[in-house]
Protein backbone atom coordinates (compact mmCIF):
# COMPACT_ATOMS: atom_id res chain seq x y z
CA MET A 1 234.13 -89.00 -206.65
CA GLY A 2 230.54 -89.16 -207.81
CA LEU A 3 227.61 -91.23 -206.61
CA SER A 4 225.97 -93.81 -208.82
CA LEU A 5 223.12 -96.32 -208.73
CA GLU A 6 223.27 -99.89 -210.08
CA LEU A 7 220.20 -102.18 -210.60
CA GLY A 8 220.76 -105.91 -210.44
CA THR A 9 219.13 -109.13 -209.56
CA LYS A 10 220.19 -111.99 -207.46
CA GLN A 11 218.64 -115.22 -206.25
CA THR A 12 218.67 -116.00 -202.48
CA LEU A 13 217.05 -118.74 -200.30
CA SER A 14 215.54 -118.01 -196.95
CA LEU A 15 214.72 -120.73 -194.60
CA SER A 16 211.62 -120.28 -192.37
CA PRO A 17 211.97 -120.97 -188.69
CA LEU A 18 209.71 -124.05 -189.24
CA MET A 19 212.06 -125.35 -191.98
CA LEU A 20 215.00 -124.83 -189.63
CA GLN A 21 213.31 -126.79 -186.97
CA ARG A 22 212.73 -129.65 -189.39
CA LEU A 23 216.32 -129.65 -190.50
CA GLU A 24 217.52 -129.62 -186.90
CA THR A 25 215.23 -132.60 -186.02
CA LEU A 26 216.71 -134.45 -188.91
CA ALA A 27 220.37 -133.78 -188.00
CA ILE A 28 220.34 -134.34 -184.18
CA PRO A 29 221.28 -137.70 -182.76
CA LEU A 30 218.90 -140.04 -181.03
CA VAL A 31 219.78 -139.00 -177.44
CA GLU A 32 219.35 -135.24 -178.28
CA LEU A 33 215.94 -136.11 -179.86
CA GLN A 34 214.91 -137.93 -176.68
CA ALA A 35 215.87 -134.95 -174.62
CA LYS A 36 213.93 -132.66 -177.10
CA ILE A 37 210.87 -134.90 -176.71
CA GLN A 38 211.20 -134.99 -172.95
CA GLU A 39 211.24 -131.18 -172.81
CA ALA A 40 208.11 -131.04 -175.10
CA ILE A 41 206.24 -133.44 -172.93
CA GLU A 42 207.00 -131.45 -169.83
CA THR A 43 206.02 -128.18 -171.30
CA ASN A 44 203.21 -129.02 -173.88
CA PRO A 45 199.89 -130.26 -172.37
CA ALA A 46 198.72 -131.18 -176.01
CA LEU A 47 201.13 -134.11 -176.11
CA GLU A 48 200.32 -137.58 -174.74
CA ILE A 49 201.91 -141.01 -174.93
CA PRO A 50 199.30 -143.72 -175.45
CA ASN A 51 201.47 -146.58 -174.41
CA ALA A 52 199.85 -149.97 -173.65
CA VAL A 53 199.16 -150.69 -170.02
CA GLU A 54 199.87 -153.96 -168.10
CA PRO A 55 197.13 -156.56 -169.00
CA SER A 56 194.57 -157.09 -166.19
CA LEU A 57 190.91 -157.96 -165.85
CA ASP A 58 189.91 -154.25 -165.41
CA ASN A 59 191.91 -153.20 -168.43
CA LEU A 60 190.43 -156.06 -170.53
CA THR A 61 186.94 -154.89 -169.56
CA SER A 62 187.63 -151.30 -170.34
CA ASN A 63 189.20 -152.34 -173.73
CA ILE A 64 185.87 -153.80 -174.85
CA SER A 65 184.26 -150.35 -175.03
CA THR A 66 187.44 -148.27 -175.54
CA PRO A 67 189.28 -148.78 -178.84
CA SER A 68 193.21 -148.55 -178.69
CA ALA A 69 195.00 -145.77 -180.35
CA ASN A 70 196.41 -146.36 -183.79
CA GLU A 71 200.20 -146.68 -183.39
CA ASP A 72 201.06 -146.06 -187.05
CA PHE A 73 202.82 -142.90 -188.08
CA SER A 74 200.00 -142.02 -190.45
CA ASP A 75 198.97 -138.43 -190.87
CA SER A 76 195.69 -138.99 -189.31
CA SER A 77 197.01 -140.89 -186.27
CA ALA A 78 199.65 -138.34 -185.77
CA TYR A 79 197.02 -135.71 -185.45
CA GLY A 80 194.93 -137.85 -183.03
CA SER A 81 191.87 -137.92 -185.33
CA ASP A 82 191.98 -141.81 -185.53
CA TYR A 83 191.57 -142.11 -181.86
CA SER A 84 188.04 -141.49 -180.53
CA GLY A 85 188.22 -143.31 -177.22
CA ILE A 86 187.77 -142.00 -173.66
CA TYR A 87 190.57 -139.90 -172.34
CA ASP A 88 193.14 -141.98 -170.64
CA SER A 89 193.41 -141.05 -166.83
CA GLU A 90 196.99 -142.47 -166.75
CA ALA A 91 198.29 -140.04 -169.36
CA SER A 92 200.15 -138.03 -166.88
CA ASP A 93 201.66 -141.18 -165.28
CA ARG A 94 202.98 -142.23 -168.62
CA LYS A 95 204.53 -138.82 -169.23
CA GLN A 96 206.18 -138.85 -165.90
CA GLN A 97 207.48 -142.42 -166.49
CA PHE A 98 209.00 -141.42 -169.87
CA ILE A 99 210.74 -138.41 -168.25
CA GLU A 100 212.13 -140.52 -165.31
CA ASN A 101 213.48 -143.15 -167.65
CA THR A 102 215.63 -140.65 -169.71
CA LEU A 103 219.26 -140.48 -169.20
CA THR A 104 220.62 -138.45 -166.17
CA SER A 105 224.09 -137.20 -165.97
CA SER A 106 226.57 -138.79 -163.65
CA LYS A 107 228.71 -137.08 -161.09
CA THR A 108 231.57 -134.98 -162.49
CA LEU A 109 235.19 -135.03 -161.19
CA MET A 110 234.61 -131.50 -159.84
CA GLN A 111 231.48 -132.45 -157.95
CA HIS A 112 233.24 -135.52 -156.43
CA LEU A 113 236.23 -133.53 -155.25
CA LEU A 114 234.28 -130.73 -153.84
CA GLU A 115 232.09 -133.18 -151.84
CA THR A 116 235.30 -134.76 -150.48
CA LEU A 117 236.74 -131.29 -149.69
CA HIS A 118 233.61 -130.27 -147.74
CA LEU A 119 233.75 -133.51 -145.74
CA ASP A 120 237.19 -132.92 -144.74
CA SER A 121 238.15 -131.12 -141.41
CA LEU A 122 239.31 -127.79 -142.80
CA ASN A 123 239.27 -124.18 -141.65
CA GLU A 124 237.75 -121.41 -143.83
CA GLU A 125 240.95 -120.53 -145.54
CA GLU A 126 241.79 -124.05 -146.47
CA ARG A 127 238.30 -124.71 -147.74
CA GLU A 128 238.43 -121.59 -149.87
CA MET A 129 241.82 -122.42 -151.40
CA GLY A 130 240.71 -125.99 -152.04
CA GLU A 131 237.77 -124.81 -153.98
CA LEU A 132 239.89 -122.46 -155.95
CA LEU A 133 242.28 -125.26 -156.95
CA ILE A 134 239.58 -127.71 -157.82
CA SER A 135 237.76 -125.19 -159.96
CA ASN A 136 241.05 -124.92 -162.02
CA LEU A 137 241.03 -128.63 -162.99
CA ASP A 138 239.93 -129.94 -166.31
CA THR A 139 238.02 -133.18 -166.89
CA THR A 140 241.19 -135.36 -166.55
CA GLY A 141 242.13 -133.88 -163.32
CA PHE A 142 245.02 -131.70 -164.43
CA ASN A 143 245.48 -127.98 -163.90
CA ASN A 144 244.12 -125.60 -166.55
CA GLU A 145 246.40 -122.76 -165.30
CA ASP A 146 249.50 -122.74 -163.20
CA PRO A 147 248.10 -122.80 -159.59
CA ILE A 148 250.41 -119.93 -158.52
CA SER A 149 248.90 -117.72 -161.10
CA LEU A 150 245.57 -118.04 -159.31
CA ILE A 151 246.78 -116.36 -156.10
CA LYS A 152 248.94 -113.60 -157.60
CA GLY A 153 247.78 -109.94 -156.78
CA ASP A 154 244.28 -109.21 -155.76
CA ILE A 155 241.96 -112.10 -156.26
CA ASN A 156 238.19 -112.27 -156.40
CA ASN A 157 237.98 -114.00 -152.97
CA GLU A 158 237.42 -111.95 -149.78
CA ILE A 159 238.76 -114.63 -147.39
CA LEU A 160 242.00 -115.34 -149.28
CA ASN A 161 242.68 -111.69 -150.00
CA LYS A 162 243.35 -111.26 -146.30
CA LEU A 163 246.42 -113.33 -146.48
CA ASN A 164 249.81 -112.00 -147.68
CA SER A 165 251.49 -113.53 -150.61
CA GLU A 166 253.77 -115.90 -148.62
CA GLU A 167 250.66 -117.23 -146.59
CA ARG A 168 248.76 -117.74 -149.72
CA GLU A 169 251.53 -119.76 -151.30
CA ASN A 170 252.06 -121.95 -148.25
CA LEU A 171 248.42 -122.56 -148.09
CA LEU A 172 248.22 -123.39 -151.87
CA LEU A 173 250.93 -126.05 -151.54
CA LYS A 174 249.25 -127.62 -148.46
CA MET A 175 245.93 -127.72 -150.21
CA LYS A 176 247.51 -128.94 -153.52
CA ASP A 177 249.10 -131.82 -151.52
CA LYS A 178 245.82 -132.61 -149.87
CA ILE A 179 243.78 -132.72 -153.13
CA GLN A 180 246.46 -134.87 -154.75
CA ASN A 181 245.86 -137.47 -152.00
CA TYR A 182 242.05 -137.34 -152.48
CA ASP A 183 240.34 -140.16 -154.42
CA PRO A 184 241.13 -140.37 -157.30
CA ILE A 185 244.84 -139.86 -156.37
CA GLY A 186 247.06 -137.76 -158.64
CA CYS A 187 244.69 -134.99 -159.46
CA CYS A 188 245.79 -131.23 -159.27
CA CYS A 189 249.02 -131.94 -161.24
CA ASN A 190 250.32 -130.21 -164.38
CA ASP A 191 250.41 -133.28 -166.61
CA PHE A 192 250.32 -137.08 -166.64
CA ARG A 193 254.02 -137.42 -165.90
CA GLU A 194 253.73 -135.32 -162.62
CA SER A 195 250.42 -137.27 -161.80
CA LEU A 196 252.07 -140.59 -162.17
CA PHE A 197 254.99 -139.70 -160.01
CA ILE A 198 252.69 -138.38 -157.26
CA GLN A 199 250.62 -141.65 -157.51
CA ALA A 200 253.81 -143.63 -157.12
CA GLN A 201 254.82 -141.75 -154.01
CA ILE A 202 251.34 -142.18 -152.55
CA ARG A 203 251.26 -145.85 -153.49
CA GLY A 204 254.54 -146.35 -151.54
CA LEU A 205 257.15 -146.83 -154.22
CA ASP A 206 260.58 -147.37 -152.58
CA GLU A 207 262.47 -144.15 -152.09
CA ASP A 208 265.56 -145.64 -153.72
CA LEU A 209 263.47 -145.86 -157.00
CA PHE A 210 262.23 -142.27 -156.95
CA THR A 211 264.94 -140.94 -159.05
CA PRO A 212 265.07 -143.60 -161.78
CA PHE A 213 261.29 -143.71 -161.94
CA GLN A 214 261.06 -140.02 -162.55
CA LYS A 215 263.68 -140.12 -165.22
CA LEU A 216 261.81 -143.00 -166.82
CA LEU A 217 258.64 -140.88 -166.84
CA ASN A 218 260.36 -137.65 -168.15
CA ASN A 219 262.78 -139.14 -170.67
CA GLU A 220 262.23 -142.74 -171.49
CA LEU A 221 258.73 -143.29 -172.49
CA GLN A 222 259.46 -143.01 -176.20
CA ASN A 223 262.33 -145.51 -175.80
CA ILE A 224 260.05 -147.88 -174.09
CA ARG A 225 257.40 -147.46 -176.78
CA SER A 226 260.14 -148.22 -179.45
CA ASN A 227 261.25 -151.33 -177.30
CA LYS A 228 264.75 -149.96 -176.88
CA ILE A 229 265.11 -151.66 -173.50
CA LYS A 230 268.91 -151.75 -173.54
CA LYS A 231 269.09 -147.98 -174.01
CA VAL A 232 266.60 -147.49 -171.17
CA LEU A 233 268.64 -149.68 -168.91
CA SER A 234 271.84 -147.79 -169.80
CA ASP A 235 270.30 -144.35 -169.37
CA LEU A 236 268.75 -145.17 -165.98
CA LYS A 237 271.66 -147.32 -164.82
CA ILE A 238 269.46 -150.07 -163.53
CA ASP A 239 269.28 -153.85 -164.18
CA GLU A 240 266.61 -155.68 -166.07
CA GLU A 241 264.80 -156.96 -162.97
CA THR A 242 264.37 -153.40 -161.58
CA TYR A 243 263.16 -152.15 -165.00
CA GLU A 244 260.50 -154.93 -165.23
CA PHE A 245 259.35 -153.98 -161.62
CA MET A 246 259.00 -150.36 -162.51
CA ILE A 247 257.05 -151.13 -165.69
CA SER A 248 254.79 -153.51 -163.78
CA PHE A 249 254.21 -150.87 -161.13
CA LEU A 250 253.64 -148.19 -163.86
CA GLN A 251 250.89 -150.25 -165.39
CA THR A 252 249.04 -150.01 -161.98
CA LEU A 253 248.69 -146.35 -162.15
CA ASN A 254 246.37 -144.08 -164.04
CA PRO A 255 247.87 -141.42 -166.31
CA PHE A 256 244.46 -139.63 -166.37
CA PRO A 257 242.99 -139.88 -162.86
CA GLY A 258 239.89 -137.86 -163.62
CA SER A 259 238.78 -139.92 -166.65
CA GLN A 260 236.59 -142.29 -164.63
CA PHE A 261 234.14 -139.51 -163.84
CA ASP A 262 231.55 -137.92 -166.12
CA SER A 263 233.12 -134.95 -167.95
CA GLY A 264 229.70 -133.31 -168.41
CA LEU A 265 230.36 -133.43 -172.16
CA ARG A 266 230.14 -137.17 -172.77
CA GLU A 267 228.37 -138.22 -175.90
CA TYR A 268 225.98 -141.31 -175.38
CA VAL A 269 225.90 -143.42 -178.36
CA VAL A 270 222.57 -144.88 -179.09
CA PRO A 271 222.27 -146.39 -182.65
CA ASP A 272 219.72 -144.91 -184.94
CA LEU A 273 219.85 -147.95 -187.34
CA SER A 274 220.31 -151.62 -186.59
CA ILE A 275 221.23 -153.82 -189.48
CA HIS A 276 221.99 -157.48 -188.75
CA ILE A 277 222.22 -160.89 -190.52
CA ILE A 278 219.59 -163.20 -188.92
CA ASN A 279 219.08 -166.67 -190.47
CA GLY A 280 220.99 -165.56 -193.64
CA LYS A 281 218.86 -162.54 -194.22
CA ILE A 282 219.55 -158.88 -193.60
CA GLU A 283 217.04 -157.27 -191.15
CA LEU A 284 216.64 -153.64 -190.64
CA GLU A 285 215.36 -151.70 -187.54
CA THR A 286 215.21 -147.92 -186.97
CA SER A 287 215.31 -145.93 -183.74
CA ALA A 288 211.51 -145.50 -183.97
CA LYS A 289 211.14 -148.13 -181.32
CA ASN A 290 213.25 -145.99 -178.92
CA LEU A 291 210.85 -143.05 -179.23
CA PRO A 292 207.47 -142.73 -177.62
CA ASN A 293 204.48 -142.81 -180.02
CA LEU A 294 203.35 -139.17 -179.40
CA THR A 295 199.71 -138.25 -180.14
CA ILE A 296 197.57 -135.30 -179.47
CA SER A 297 195.35 -135.36 -176.42
CA ASP A 298 191.73 -135.15 -177.42
CA ASP A 299 190.94 -134.07 -173.92
CA PHE A 300 193.12 -130.98 -174.31
CA ILE A 301 191.58 -130.15 -177.80
CA ASN A 302 188.16 -130.60 -176.46
CA LEU A 303 188.82 -127.89 -173.68
CA SER A 304 188.54 -125.19 -176.46
CA LYS A 305 184.81 -126.14 -176.85
CA GLU A 306 184.13 -125.83 -173.12
CA ILE A 307 185.95 -122.50 -172.50
CA ASP A 308 184.93 -119.14 -173.73
CA ASP A 309 188.09 -117.14 -172.91
CA ALA A 310 189.86 -116.12 -176.09
CA GLU A 311 193.31 -116.12 -174.76
CA THR A 312 192.92 -119.77 -173.50
CA LYS A 313 191.58 -120.75 -176.88
CA LYS A 314 194.58 -119.23 -178.56
CA TYR A 315 196.87 -120.96 -176.23
CA ILE A 316 195.26 -124.32 -176.92
CA ARG A 317 195.53 -123.77 -180.72
CA GLU A 318 199.19 -122.75 -180.45
CA GLN A 319 200.17 -125.68 -178.28
CA THR A 320 198.39 -128.19 -180.41
CA ALA A 321 199.99 -126.81 -183.66
CA VAL A 322 203.48 -127.06 -181.89
CA ALA A 323 202.68 -130.65 -180.95
CA LYS A 324 201.51 -131.54 -184.37
CA GLU A 325 204.63 -130.13 -185.97
CA LEU A 326 206.96 -132.05 -183.58
CA ILE A 327 205.10 -135.30 -184.40
CA ASN A 328 205.51 -134.52 -188.19
CA GLN A 329 209.16 -133.79 -187.65
CA ILE A 330 209.84 -137.15 -185.95
CA ASP A 331 207.73 -138.95 -188.63
CA MET A 332 209.81 -137.45 -191.38
CA ARG A 333 213.05 -138.30 -189.49
CA ASN A 334 211.96 -141.85 -189.08
CA LYS A 335 210.88 -142.32 -192.68
CA ASN A 336 214.05 -140.90 -194.12
CA LEU A 337 216.19 -142.98 -191.81
CA PHE A 338 214.29 -146.12 -192.99
CA LYS A 339 214.94 -145.18 -196.68
CA LEU A 340 218.63 -144.53 -195.94
CA GLY A 341 218.88 -147.87 -194.21
CA MET A 342 217.28 -149.63 -197.18
CA ILE A 343 219.77 -147.99 -199.59
CA LEU A 344 222.69 -148.91 -197.40
CA ILE A 345 221.61 -152.55 -197.34
CA GLU A 346 221.30 -152.53 -201.18
CA LYS A 347 224.65 -150.75 -201.88
CA GLN A 348 226.75 -152.20 -199.04
CA SER A 349 225.28 -155.69 -198.73
CA GLU A 350 228.71 -157.24 -199.02
CA PHE A 351 229.94 -155.30 -196.02
CA PHE A 352 227.08 -156.47 -193.87
CA PHE A 353 227.79 -160.08 -194.86
CA LYS A 354 231.59 -160.12 -195.14
CA GLY A 355 232.96 -157.10 -193.27
CA PRO A 356 234.77 -153.76 -193.64
CA LEU A 357 237.17 -155.14 -196.27
CA TYR A 358 234.09 -155.26 -198.66
CA LEU A 359 232.92 -151.56 -198.29
CA LYS A 360 232.00 -150.28 -201.84
CA PRO A 361 232.63 -146.65 -202.94
CA LEU A 362 229.39 -144.85 -201.99
CA THR A 363 228.90 -141.05 -201.78
CA GLN A 364 226.24 -139.02 -200.22
CA LYS A 365 225.42 -137.57 -203.58
CA ASP A 366 224.57 -141.21 -204.80
CA VAL A 367 222.25 -141.72 -201.99
CA ALA A 368 220.69 -138.27 -202.30
CA LEU A 369 219.74 -139.19 -206.03
CA GLU A 370 218.28 -142.58 -204.80
CA MET A 371 216.15 -140.80 -202.23
CA ASN A 372 215.28 -137.84 -204.51
CA VAL A 373 216.46 -135.29 -201.77
CA HIS A 374 219.25 -132.76 -201.60
CA GLU A 375 222.74 -133.91 -200.76
CA THR A 376 222.71 -131.73 -197.66
CA THR A 377 219.75 -133.71 -196.42
CA ILE A 378 221.84 -136.95 -196.45
CA SER A 379 224.64 -135.12 -194.78
CA ARG A 380 222.40 -134.06 -191.91
CA LEU A 381 220.89 -137.61 -191.71
CA ALA A 382 224.16 -139.29 -191.41
CA SER A 383 225.77 -136.69 -189.06
CA SER A 384 226.31 -137.81 -185.53
CA LYS A 385 224.34 -140.98 -185.96
CA TRP A 386 225.37 -144.56 -185.42
CA LEU A 387 224.72 -148.02 -186.87
CA ASP A 388 224.43 -151.15 -184.96
CA CYS A 389 225.56 -154.10 -187.09
CA ASP A 390 227.43 -157.48 -186.89
CA TRP A 391 230.72 -155.71 -187.18
CA GLY A 392 230.17 -153.30 -184.18
CA ILE A 393 228.58 -149.97 -183.54
CA ILE A 394 229.95 -147.63 -186.10
CA PRO A 395 229.12 -144.08 -187.33
CA ILE A 396 226.80 -144.16 -190.35
CA LYS A 397 229.05 -141.82 -192.12
CA ASN A 398 231.59 -144.53 -192.22
CA LEU A 399 229.58 -146.36 -194.84
CA PHE A 400 230.17 -143.47 -197.21
CA SER A 401 233.60 -143.63 -198.92
CA ASN A 402 235.02 -142.31 -202.14
CA ALA A 403 236.50 -144.56 -204.79
CA VAL A 404 240.28 -144.99 -205.01
CA GLY A 405 242.17 -146.12 -208.19
CA ASN A 406 241.27 -146.09 -211.76
CA ASP A 407 238.69 -148.92 -211.64
CA GLN A 408 236.57 -147.11 -209.19
CA THR A 409 235.60 -150.47 -207.35
CA ASN A 410 237.75 -150.02 -204.27
CA SER A 411 236.72 -147.61 -201.55
CA LYS A 412 239.02 -145.61 -199.32
CA ALA A 413 237.57 -147.31 -196.23
CA SER A 414 238.08 -150.95 -197.57
CA ILE A 415 241.73 -150.02 -198.51
CA LYS A 416 242.53 -148.57 -195.09
CA GLU A 417 241.14 -151.78 -193.56
CA ARG A 418 243.36 -153.78 -195.84
CA ILE A 419 246.39 -151.67 -194.91
CA LYS A 420 245.61 -152.29 -191.22
CA GLN A 421 245.21 -156.00 -191.81
CA ILE A 422 248.63 -156.17 -193.62
CA ILE A 423 250.41 -154.18 -190.92
CA ASN A 424 248.95 -156.59 -188.26
CA GLU A 425 250.08 -159.59 -190.18
CA ASN A 426 253.60 -158.20 -190.38
CA GLU A 427 254.53 -156.92 -186.95
CA GLY A 428 257.94 -156.66 -185.18
CA PRO A 429 260.97 -157.48 -187.22
CA LYS A 430 258.74 -158.25 -190.33
CA ALA A 431 257.27 -154.77 -190.31
CA LEU A 432 256.76 -153.54 -193.82
CA SER A 433 257.51 -150.07 -195.07
CA ASP A 434 254.84 -147.91 -196.87
CA GLN A 435 256.38 -148.66 -200.18
CA LYS A 436 256.26 -152.40 -199.58
CA ILE A 437 252.70 -152.15 -198.48
CA ALA A 438 251.88 -150.22 -201.70
CA ASP A 439 253.64 -152.92 -203.70
CA LYS A 440 251.58 -155.57 -201.97
CA LEU A 441 248.45 -153.78 -202.58
CA ASN A 442 249.29 -153.32 -206.32
CA GLU A 443 249.87 -157.03 -206.60
CA GLU A 444 246.36 -157.57 -205.37
CA GLY A 445 245.04 -155.16 -208.11
CA ILE A 446 244.63 -152.13 -206.02
CA GLU A 447 246.42 -149.22 -207.57
CA ILE A 448 247.88 -147.00 -204.81
CA ALA A 449 250.95 -144.90 -204.33
CA ARG A 450 253.39 -145.00 -201.37
CA ARG A 451 252.38 -141.49 -200.17
CA THR A 452 248.67 -142.52 -200.14
CA VAL A 453 249.61 -145.56 -198.04
CA SER A 454 251.57 -143.35 -195.71
CA LYS A 455 248.59 -140.91 -195.50
CA TYR A 456 246.09 -143.62 -194.72
CA ARG A 457 248.48 -145.23 -192.07
CA LYS A 458 248.67 -141.85 -190.35
CA GLU A 459 244.82 -141.57 -190.33
CA LEU A 460 244.74 -145.04 -188.65
CA ASN A 461 247.11 -143.77 -185.93
CA ILE A 462 249.68 -146.43 -186.80
CA ASP A 463 253.36 -145.85 -186.22
CA SER A 464 256.08 -145.80 -188.92
CA THR A 465 258.10 -148.90 -189.80
CA PHE A 466 260.92 -147.68 -187.59
CA LEU A 467 258.83 -147.78 -184.40
CA ARG A 468 256.80 -150.95 -185.33
CA GLY A 469 260.05 -152.82 -186.16
CA ASN A 470 261.77 -152.26 -182.79
């Protein structure tokens, strides 16, 4: 086999680190942007927040000779050149106030259980086994792995390794029972069925009902969901009064006991756009009001004139450049969000006035052409961001929907909303099949096939006719 050389050309696009940062700022949701700004304020002395201070006689006097900073997002004000006043002595306090007012994480289930464990009167082995079991729990309070597998063979725990296998197993069962009784009760179980049964035992369910209640949890939940009460009564060999008592008791239990605690992964939803009908007119607000009006500290820049050290001068230039770039990124994000909001008002005005049934077909490509940007820019702009409107707080991407049917006037989102409405209007014995729903939509002028109705119904997490009609 011989060697050969081939000469060819290809076109590639390389993004600079600066461009990647701009795209990242465009895409991240508001809460993450607030965290990014918080980190920048903590680490970059070139940034300052020129918020207005509370009115007072002293402040009024000082304002006569000290002009206020321009709060517009103009290029000049962003760089701090519009502000020639005296350095604000309260700048550090305002930074600290912004940092303290940002979101902080709540206590997780694991932290809560470990605190409870350490407050309990336990010996060293019990505490170590308890920590091992708690570290194995997921955010809902259930075991990630079979607890027995945690103590098989040599384990990475010097204290528990001193115990033989029988001693370990007995200790595990003892601590598992103890953790199940901690608040919230029912943790350290394999699934929601075991947790509900443990909760029932702890809450004092009559021992005569243990067996039928456990059978109800293990075998009859689907029949209950389908409203097949007679079959449940027959299977469990109980009367209707006992059944009603068990259902009422079941409703007092929590199938996911750890859900009341912060998982550490919770997404805080803060709307990036607010569009409401006020006095018959559509009004738009962006998330700019939830962000500090960052500027460059003149006092920090002036340090370079007073210091001769080359390294210090270089540091001041670098930090100032980083601060200016962050301000520009936030400015670009705010302007693009405003443009997007205006286009959504124009294209989806009927939705804002009348509701989800009136969503029009609208693609990201259509909006990109309107804004004269690439389609991926709109994708980043709409990703993980929320809209506050009169119909609730919804993802911005929900306002984008492809057309369905030959006339191209009905959006997928509006048809799904209409399907949900038809199903809600025909519950119980009147439940309509997918074919009958399709026929009803066709009568309304919406051309749609039965399989499409079935697909949309499943996307809406709505049961089939069999389950809805029983």
